[in-house]
Protein backbone atom coordinates (compact mmCIF):
# COMPACT_ATOMS: atom_id res chain seq x y z
CA MET A 1 0.00 0.00 0.00
CA VAL A 2 1.34 3.44 -0.98
CA ILE A 3 1.00 6.06 1.74
CA HIS A 4 0.59 9.53 0.28
CA PRO A 5 1.73 12.55 2.29
CA VAL A 6 -1.29 14.42 3.60
CA PHE A 7 -0.80 17.98 4.75
CA ASN A 8 -2.67 18.91 7.91
CA LEU A 9 -5.02 21.64 6.72
CA THR A 10 -5.40 23.02 10.25
CA MET A 11 -1.82 24.19 10.10
CA LYS A 12 -1.24 27.80 9.18
CA HIS A 13 2.35 28.92 8.60
CA ILE A 14 4.49 27.87 5.61
CA VAL A 15 8.16 28.87 5.83
CA ILE A 16 10.30 28.74 2.69
CA ILE A 17 14.10 28.96 2.91
CA GLY A 18 15.37 30.61 -0.27
CA ASN A 19 13.91 33.16 -2.67
CA GLY A 20 15.10 31.68 -5.96
CA ILE A 21 12.85 30.32 -8.69
CA SER A 22 11.98 27.20 -6.65
CA GLY A 23 10.98 28.91 -3.43
CA VAL A 24 9.13 31.77 -5.09
CA THR A 25 7.21 29.42 -7.41
CA ALA A 26 6.15 27.38 -4.38
CA ALA A 27 5.01 30.53 -2.58
CA ARG A 28 3.01 31.79 -5.56
CA HIS A 29 1.19 28.50 -6.06
CA ILE A 30 0.51 28.02 -2.34
CA ARG A 31 -1.04 31.48 -2.32
CA LYS A 32 -3.19 30.63 -5.37
CA ASN A 33 -4.57 27.57 -3.63
CA SER A 34 -4.73 28.51 0.06
CA ASP A 35 -5.00 31.21 2.66
CA TYR A 36 -1.94 30.04 4.62
CA GLN A 37 0.56 32.49 6.05
CA ILE A 38 3.66 32.34 3.84
CA THR A 39 7.15 33.52 4.79
CA ILE A 40 10.19 33.47 2.49
CA ILE A 41 13.61 33.80 4.11
CA SER A 42 16.68 34.84 2.11
CA SER A 43 20.04 36.39 2.92
CA GLU A 44 21.04 36.86 -0.74
CA THR A 45 18.67 39.63 -1.86
CA ARG A 46 15.52 41.23 -0.49
CA HIS A 47 13.54 40.43 -3.63
CA PHE A 48 13.43 37.58 -6.14
CA PHE A 49 15.43 38.09 -9.34
CA SER A 50 16.23 36.10 -12.46
CA ARG A 51 19.52 34.34 -11.75
CA THR A 52 20.10 33.52 -15.41
CA ALA A 53 20.13 37.26 -16.22
CA LEU A 54 23.03 38.15 -13.92
CA MET A 55 25.59 37.96 -16.72
CA TYR A 56 23.67 40.59 -18.70
CA VAL A 57 23.87 43.02 -15.79
CA TYR A 58 27.67 42.71 -15.83
CA MET A 59 27.71 43.11 -19.61
CA GLY A 60 25.68 46.33 -19.39
CA HIS A 61 22.59 45.01 -21.19
CA LEU A 62 20.39 45.27 -18.08
CA LYS A 63 20.27 46.98 -14.73
CA PHE A 64 19.75 44.74 -11.72
CA GLU A 65 16.23 46.07 -11.15
CA HIS A 66 15.34 44.83 -14.62
CA THR A 67 16.01 41.23 -13.49
CA LYS A 68 13.14 41.29 -10.96
CA PRO A 69 10.08 39.60 -12.54
CA TYR A 70 7.71 41.22 -10.02
CA GLU A 71 7.31 44.75 -8.74
CA ASP A 72 8.31 45.20 -5.11
CA PHE A 73 4.66 45.70 -4.12
CA PHE A 74 3.80 42.21 -5.44
CA TRP A 75 4.75 40.50 -2.17
CA LYS A 76 2.61 42.63 0.12
CA LYS A 77 -0.29 42.50 -2.32
CA ASN A 78 -0.16 38.70 -2.30
CA ARG A 79 0.46 38.46 1.44
CA ILE A 80 3.85 36.81 1.12
CA ASP A 81 6.14 37.95 3.94
CA LEU A 82 9.82 38.46 3.08
CA VAL A 83 12.49 38.08 5.75
CA PHE A 84 15.99 39.30 4.81
CA ASP A 85 18.07 37.12 7.12
CA HIS A 86 20.23 34.00 7.12
CA VAL A 87 19.09 30.61 8.41
CA VAL A 88 21.77 29.13 10.64
CA LYS A 89 19.86 26.11 11.95
CA VAL A 90 16.68 24.11 11.47
CA ASN A 91 15.20 22.55 14.60
CA ALA A 92 12.80 19.93 13.21
CA GLU A 93 11.63 18.77 16.65
CA ARG A 94 10.50 22.26 17.63
CA GLN A 95 9.45 23.11 14.07
CA GLN A 96 11.45 26.30 14.00
CA VAL A 97 14.31 27.93 12.12
CA ASP A 98 17.00 29.92 13.88
CA LEU A 99 18.22 33.07 12.13
CA LYS A 100 21.57 34.86 12.16
CA SER A 101 19.86 37.93 13.63
CA GLY A 102 18.97 35.89 16.73
CA ASN A 103 15.30 35.65 15.80
CA THR A 104 13.43 32.38 15.35
CA LEU A 105 10.46 31.47 13.17
CA HIS A 106 7.97 28.69 13.88
CA TYR A 107 6.62 26.75 10.95
CA ASP A 108 3.84 24.26 10.35
CA ALA A 109 5.41 23.22 7.05
CA LEU A 110 8.95 23.93 5.90
CA VAL A 111 10.14 24.11 2.29
CA ILE A 112 13.93 24.04 1.86
CA ALA A 113 14.92 25.81 -1.36
CA SER A 114 18.42 26.88 -0.38
CA GLY A 115 20.02 26.47 -3.79
CA SER A 116 23.68 25.82 -4.55
CA ARG A 117 27.14 27.18 -3.88
CA SER A 118 30.20 27.23 -6.14
CA ASN A 119 32.59 24.32 -5.78
CA LYS A 120 36.14 24.58 -4.49
CA PHE A 121 38.54 21.66 -4.41
CA GLY A 122 41.18 22.69 -1.91
CA TRP A 123 43.64 24.36 -4.26
CA PRO A 124 46.34 26.40 -2.53
CA GLY A 125 45.34 30.05 -2.88
CA GLN A 126 41.67 29.41 -3.66
CA ASP A 127 40.57 31.96 -1.03
CA LEU A 128 42.76 34.82 -2.25
CA VAL A 129 41.27 38.15 -3.24
CA GLY A 130 40.34 37.94 -6.92
CA VAL A 131 39.37 34.25 -6.84
CA GLN A 132 35.67 33.38 -7.00
CA GLY A 133 32.83 31.44 -8.56
CA LEU A 134 29.66 32.81 -10.12
CA TYR A 135 26.26 31.72 -8.81
CA SER A 136 24.70 34.36 -6.59
CA TYR A 137 24.01 38.08 -6.74
CA ASN A 138 26.79 38.53 -4.19
CA ASP A 139 29.14 36.77 -6.62
CA LEU A 140 28.15 39.26 -9.32
CA VAL A 141 28.92 42.20 -7.03
CA LEU A 142 32.23 40.58 -6.08
CA MET A 143 33.13 39.98 -9.73
CA GLU A 144 32.39 43.61 -10.55
CA GLY A 145 34.95 44.68 -7.97
CA ASN A 146 37.48 41.93 -8.67
CA THR A 147 37.67 42.65 -12.42
CA LYS A 148 37.99 46.44 -12.41
CA ALA A 149 40.97 47.59 -14.48
CA ILE A 150 42.37 44.07 -14.86
CA LYS A 151 43.96 42.82 -18.07
CA HIS A 152 44.01 39.03 -17.81
CA ALA A 153 41.69 36.44 -16.27
CA VAL A 154 42.07 32.68 -15.90
CA LEU A 155 38.99 30.47 -15.79
CA VAL A 156 39.22 27.00 -14.29
CA GLY A 157 36.85 24.29 -15.50
CA GLY A 158 34.51 24.17 -18.45
CA GLY A 159 30.77 23.92 -18.74
CA LEU A 160 28.04 26.51 -18.80
CA ILE A 161 29.17 28.73 -15.89
CA GLY A 162 32.64 28.95 -17.39
CA ILE A 163 31.41 29.97 -20.82
CA GLU A 164 29.19 32.64 -19.25
CA MET A 165 32.13 34.07 -17.32
CA ALA A 166 34.25 34.06 -20.48
CA GLU A 167 31.62 35.99 -22.43
CA MET A 168 31.22 38.49 -19.59
CA LEU A 169 34.96 39.15 -19.40
CA LEU A 170 35.40 39.40 -23.17
CA THR A 171 32.82 42.20 -23.38
CA ARG A 172 35.13 44.30 -21.18
CA GLY A 173 38.22 43.62 -23.27
CA ILE A 174 39.77 41.34 -20.66
CA ARG A 175 42.01 38.57 -22.02
CA VAL A 176 40.77 35.11 -21.04
CA THR A 177 42.71 31.90 -20.54
CA PHE A 178 40.60 28.80 -19.99
CA LEU A 179 41.99 25.73 -18.18
CA VAL A 180 39.98 22.64 -19.13
CA ARG A 181 41.02 19.15 -18.07
CA GLU A 182 39.07 17.36 -20.84
CA PRO A 183 40.50 16.77 -24.37
CA GLU A 184 37.79 19.05 -25.81
CA PHE A 185 35.52 21.64 -24.20
CA TRP A 186 32.81 19.98 -22.05
CA SER A 187 33.56 16.59 -23.59
CA SER A 188 32.57 15.00 -20.27
CA VAL A 189 28.99 15.93 -21.27
CA LEU A 190 28.97 16.49 -25.04
CA PRO A 191 29.83 13.86 -27.64
CA MET A 192 33.25 14.50 -29.16
CA GLU A 193 31.90 16.00 -32.40
CA GLU A 194 29.95 18.72 -30.56
CA ALA A 195 32.71 19.29 -28.02
CA ARG A 196 35.19 19.85 -30.86
CA LEU A 197 32.80 22.28 -32.59
CA ILE A 198 32.45 24.31 -29.38
CA THR A 199 36.21 24.17 -28.75
CA ASN A 200 36.88 25.70 -32.17
CA HIS A 201 34.15 28.30 -31.64
CA ILE A 202 35.59 29.42 -28.31
CA ARG A 203 39.05 29.77 -29.83
CA SER A 204 37.60 31.81 -32.70
CA HIS A 205 36.70 34.41 -30.06
CA HIS A 206 40.40 34.74 -29.14
CA VAL A 207 40.11 32.77 -25.91
CA ASP A 208 43.33 30.97 -24.94
CA LEU A 209 41.76 27.55 -24.37
CA LYS A 210 44.22 25.13 -22.76
CA LEU A 211 42.89 21.57 -22.99
CA THR A 212 43.99 18.61 -20.82
CA THR A 213 45.22 21.22 -18.34
CA GLU A 214 44.48 21.28 -14.62
CA LEU A 215 45.07 23.86 -11.92
CA ARG A 216 47.71 23.11 -9.28
CA GLU A 217 48.00 26.37 -7.35
CA ILE A 218 46.86 30.00 -7.26
CA ILE A 219 49.76 32.30 -6.47
CA SER A 220 49.49 35.38 -4.24
CA ASP A 221 51.14 38.76 -4.45
CA HIS A 222 52.39 40.58 -1.33
CA GLU A 223 48.89 41.99 -0.64
CA GLY A 224 47.01 38.69 -0.63
CA LYS A 225 45.67 39.12 -4.16
CA VAL A 226 45.98 36.66 -7.00
CA LYS A 227 48.91 37.36 -9.32
CA ALA A 228 49.25 34.05 -11.23
CA VAL A 229 48.23 30.42 -11.47
CA LYS A 230 50.38 27.34 -11.76
CA THR A 231 49.12 24.37 -13.76
CA GLU A 232 49.82 20.67 -13.27
CA LYS A 233 52.18 21.04 -16.25
CA ASN A 234 54.18 23.59 -14.17
CA GLU A 235 53.20 26.45 -16.46
CA ILE A 236 52.94 29.83 -14.71
CA ILE A 237 50.21 32.12 -16.11
CA GLU A 238 50.11 35.69 -14.80
CA CYS A 239 46.61 37.02 -14.14
CA GLN A 240 44.64 39.32 -11.86
CA PHE A 241 41.44 37.26 -11.61
CA VAL A 242 40.63 33.55 -11.33
CA GLY A 243 37.11 32.35 -12.06
CA LEU A 244 36.22 28.96 -10.60
CA ALA A 245 33.78 27.26 -12.96
CA VAL A 246 33.98 23.73 -11.61
CA GLY A 247 30.31 23.24 -10.90
CA VAL A 248 28.10 23.83 -7.90
CA SER A 249 26.98 21.76 -4.92
CA PRO A 250 23.76 21.82 -2.84
CA ASN A 251 23.85 24.47 -0.13
CA ILE A 252 22.89 22.34 2.87
CA GLU A 253 25.52 22.84 5.59
CA PHE A 254 23.01 24.60 7.85
CA LEU A 255 20.98 21.37 8.05
CA SER A 256 23.58 19.46 10.06
CA ASP A 257 22.09 18.20 13.34
CA SER A 258 18.59 19.00 12.09
CA GLY A 259 17.51 15.36 11.76
CA ILE A 260 16.76 15.96 8.07
CA ARG A 261 18.48 13.28 5.99
CA THR A 262 21.09 14.50 3.52
CA ASN A 263 23.69 12.99 1.23
CA ASN A 264 25.13 15.25 -1.45
CA GLY A 265 21.77 17.04 -1.29
CA VAL A 266 18.60 16.96 0.80
CA LEU A 267 17.10 13.49 0.30
CA VAL A 268 13.48 13.52 -0.86
CA ASP A 269 10.88 11.02 -2.04
CA SER A 270 8.71 11.33 -5.14
CA TYR A 271 6.53 13.91 -3.36
CA LEU A 272 9.64 16.00 -2.57
CA GLN A 273 9.15 15.24 1.12
CA THR A 274 12.12 14.63 3.41
CA ASN A 275 12.22 12.02 6.15
CA ILE A 276 10.55 14.57 8.46
CA PRO A 277 6.76 15.04 8.09
CA ASN A 278 5.77 18.41 6.61
CA VAL A 279 9.37 19.22 5.66
CA TYR A 280 10.03 19.39 1.90
CA ALA A 281 12.98 20.30 -0.32
CA ILE A 282 12.98 21.64 -3.87
CA GLY A 283 15.39 23.00 -6.47
CA ASP A 284 19.18 22.87 -6.62
CA CYS A 285 19.58 21.53 -3.08
CA VAL A 286 17.53 18.36 -3.74
CA GLU A 287 18.77 14.80 -4.19
CA ARG A 288 16.04 12.37 -5.17
CA THR A 289 16.00 8.93 -3.52
CA TYR A 290 14.24 7.42 -6.54
CA GLN A 291 15.20 7.10 -10.19
CA LEU A 292 13.71 8.93 -13.16
CA PRO A 293 14.62 7.64 -16.64
CA GLY A 294 17.27 9.75 -18.33
CA ARG A 295 17.68 12.08 -15.35
CA LYS A 296 20.30 12.54 -12.65
CA ASN A 297 19.24 12.51 -8.99
CA ILE A 298 20.58 16.04 -8.56
CA GLU A 299 19.45 18.45 -11.29
CA GLN A 300 20.52 22.05 -10.90
CA VAL A 301 18.68 23.83 -13.69
CA TRP A 302 16.12 26.62 -13.68
CA TYR A 303 13.09 24.82 -15.03
CA THR A 304 13.31 21.78 -12.73
CA GLY A 305 13.31 24.14 -9.76
CA ARG A 306 10.19 25.83 -11.10
CA MET A 307 8.47 22.47 -11.65
CA MET A 308 9.33 21.34 -8.13
CA GLY A 309 7.88 24.54 -6.70
CA GLU A 310 4.57 23.91 -8.46
CA VAL A 311 4.43 20.26 -7.38
CA VAL A 312 5.21 20.83 -3.71
CA ALA A 313 2.61 23.59 -3.54
CA GLN A 314 -0.08 21.16 -4.69
CA THR A 315 0.88 18.67 -1.99
CA ILE A 316 0.99 21.33 0.73
CA CYS A 317 -2.45 22.56 -0.35
CA GLY A 318 -4.01 19.12 0.04
CA THR A 319 -3.53 17.49 -3.38
CA PRO A 320 -0.55 15.11 -3.03
CA SER A 321 1.40 15.26 -6.29
CA LYS A 322 4.47 13.38 -7.48
CA TYR A 323 7.38 15.13 -9.14
CA GLU A 324 7.38 13.70 -12.67
CA PRO A 325 9.15 16.16 -14.98
CA GLY A 326 9.13 13.98 -18.10
CA PRO A 327 11.95 13.74 -20.65
CA TRP A 328 15.12 15.67 -19.95
CA PHE A 329 15.72 18.94 -21.78
CA ASN A 330 17.95 21.96 -21.38
CA SER A 331 19.19 24.97 -23.32
CA ALA A 332 22.15 27.32 -23.11
CA LYS A 333 24.48 29.51 -25.16
CA PHE A 334 28.12 28.99 -26.06
CA LEU A 335 28.97 32.62 -26.87
CA ASP A 336 26.84 33.16 -30.00
CA ILE A 337 25.87 29.52 -30.62
CA GLU A 338 22.56 28.47 -29.08
CA TYR A 339 22.37 24.92 -27.71
CA GLN A 340 19.38 22.70 -26.96
CA THR A 341 19.17 19.11 -25.83
CA TYR A 342 16.13 16.81 -25.56
CA GLY A 343 16.13 13.27 -24.19
CA THR A 344 19.38 11.38 -23.68
CA VAL A 345 22.51 12.11 -25.69
CA SER A 346 25.50 10.82 -23.73
CA ASN A 347 29.06 11.81 -24.52
CA VAL A 348 29.77 8.15 -25.38
CA LEU A 349 27.29 5.88 -27.16
CA SER A 350 26.23 2.70 -25.39
CA PRO A 351 26.43 -0.62 -27.30
CA ALA A 352 22.63 -0.51 -27.67
CA GLU A 353 22.62 2.92 -29.35
CA ASP A 354 23.22 4.30 -32.82
CA ASP A 355 23.56 7.92 -33.93
CA PHE A 356 23.73 10.43 -36.75
CA TYR A 357 25.68 13.69 -36.64
CA TRP A 358 25.33 16.52 -39.16
CA GLU A 359 27.40 19.70 -39.14
CA HIS A 360 26.96 22.75 -41.34
CA HIS A 361 30.01 23.82 -43.33
CA GLY A 362 29.98 27.15 -41.49
CA GLN A 363 30.81 25.30 -38.24
CA LYS A 364 28.17 27.12 -36.21
CA LYS A 365 25.27 24.71 -36.73
CA ALA A 366 25.03 21.02 -35.93
CA ILE A 367 22.51 18.38 -34.93
CA HIS A 368 23.04 14.96 -33.36
CA PHE A 369 20.37 12.24 -33.13
CA VAL A 370 20.57 9.10 -30.96
CA TRP A 371 18.25 6.08 -31.11
CA ASN A 372 18.01 2.49 -29.94
CA LYS A 373 19.82 0.26 -32.39
CA ASP A 374 17.29 -2.60 -32.25
CA SER A 375 13.90 -0.93 -31.76
CA LYS A 376 14.86 2.28 -33.66
CA LYS A 377 13.17 4.24 -30.85
CA PHE A 378 14.29 7.87 -30.79
CA LEU A 379 16.26 8.61 -27.58
CA GLY A 380 17.54 12.15 -27.87
CA VAL A 381 18.93 15.06 -29.85
CA ASN A 382 21.52 17.81 -29.42
CA THR A 383 21.22 20.87 -31.61
CA PHE A 384 23.54 23.85 -32.09
CA GLY A 385 22.47 26.98 -33.94
CA ILE A 386 19.13 25.46 -34.97
CA ARG A 387 16.14 26.11 -32.72
CA LEU A 388 13.74 23.25 -32.10
CA ARG A 389 10.30 23.35 -30.49
CA HIS A 390 10.24 21.80 -27.04
CA GLU A 391 6.60 20.69 -27.31
CA TYR A 392 7.35 18.50 -30.34
CA PHE A 393 10.37 16.69 -28.94
CA ASP A 394 8.76 16.27 -25.54
CA ARG A 395 5.76 14.65 -27.22
CA TRP A 396 7.82 12.45 -29.54
CA LEU A 397 9.92 11.20 -26.63
CA ARG A 398 6.85 10.47 -24.51
CA GLN A 399 5.17 8.71 -27.45
CA LYS A 400 8.36 6.70 -28.12
CA LYS A 401 8.48 7.64 -31.78
CA ASP A 402 11.14 5.99 -33.95
CA ILE A 403 14.01 7.81 -35.62
CA GLN A 404 12.37 7.56 -39.06
CA PHE A 405 9.38 9.53 -37.79
CA VAL A 406 11.59 12.23 -36.25
CA ILE A 407 13.62 12.72 -39.43
CA ALA A 408 10.47 12.80 -41.57
CA HIS A 409 8.80 15.42 -39.32
CA LEU A 410 11.87 17.46 -38.40
CA GLN A 411 10.70 20.48 -40.38
CA GLU A 412 7.57 20.74 -38.22
CA ALA A 413 9.71 21.12 -35.10
CA ASN A 414 11.87 23.96 -36.41
CA PHE A 415 11.52 27.12 -34.32
CA ASP A 416 13.87 29.47 -36.18
CA PRO A 417 12.48 32.90 -37.06
CA GLU A 418 11.25 33.72 -40.55
CA PHE A 419 13.98 34.20 -43.19
CA PHE A 420 16.48 32.04 -41.27
CA GLU A 421 18.19 29.48 -43.47
CA ARG A 422 16.54 26.07 -43.18
CA HIS A 423 18.46 22.78 -43.31
CA GLU A 424 15.92 19.99 -42.79
CA ASN A 425 16.14 18.65 -46.36
CA GLU A 426 19.93 18.70 -46.26
CA ILE A 427 19.91 16.91 -42.89
CA ALA A 428 17.41 14.28 -44.07
CA ASN A 429 19.34 13.62 -47.30
CA ALA A 430 22.57 13.16 -45.36
CA PHE A 431 20.80 10.85 -42.91
CA TYR A 432 19.34 8.64 -45.65
CA GLN A 433 22.66 8.58 -47.45
CA LYS A 434 24.26 7.10 -44.33
CA TYR A 435 21.26 4.89 -43.49
CA PRO A 436 19.55 4.04 -46.83
CA SER A 437 17.50 1.24 -45.23
CA PHE A 438 15.54 3.81 -43.20
CA LYS A 439 14.35 5.55 -46.34
CA ALA A 440 13.10 2.28 -47.76
CA ALA A 441 11.24 1.58 -44.51
């Protein structure tokens, strides 16, 4: 017998730790469906902002106030209390949170949406002035100060945070050296063809991309500021800023001794409930205790946080709902190449998979399909410089369409604006040339 979590409707106060997309989405949907008292606690900013827009503030495209999706009066109007403070401890037995200010808040239900923090791996000099990651608004402010009047920056690690930092720095005329331990950029995630395309694209923007290169030490000047890095190859690279782009980890240290079970993240079941009744966790800080096909147990992306916020609100408001996000998808930018992925495209094919890769001669567009070798079931696609409609690929993955169907209907899924060059016929012809039996079928 499956026991569903049932929220006690006589309870009144919902406390949410974190005012990112997860926590704010939960608050909005709880308010839509209940009259509970709602309190959001955050020590990052007083008001919710779009984290993905931070880079554009640095680049001068936006002001910070433009990143706030809601006017400041929105919170009072919707009776959502905002507390600008830092949670230092959760006491699950007493159902209260202790704040840095010395205050405490009692809750009837607690939603942990505390997000992530930038990784550090114990390098000598990693805490010097001028060394930082990029995740929070405070990181943006720090980067603004750390990069004033500098000439050369070194970025450590690849991936999406690293490429954002590179683009930010390049817009200010700062030379960028990138230390990446993989043989091609992000080849731990992307298949080698795509990783090589992105590697060449980054270098075309005059970034000094050093592959198969790892950081050994960050070297200080006489004032405690970074002046150089030393690689595992004993190369010394002078710089005035080091950006750590080696991923993020769930921000959960404050939960020690709380009785709430954690591993790398806060452990939750399919209803996003922890081991403590009426205590939930959502967003970047979550680690699922159950498997979802094609998905990792920790997923630190914007849209999964939003989905979790909607789901947990339903449960808290009396309609127990499982977190079932469907097929994996994501999107990003590598400088001026847009990237989308739907389904499962691993960096290395499994023995049960087959694939087709097409690249435009201009080296800024590519598409990569993966399918099951025996059943021909479509498994996933990566696309670069060609926009695809999410609704189509989500539906085709859920319906378990075969690769022949996807190739035949690819034109329907194109989302590029009018007058953009179209490549579906070229892609299909190349596909059938490599796999003539599919055309016959």
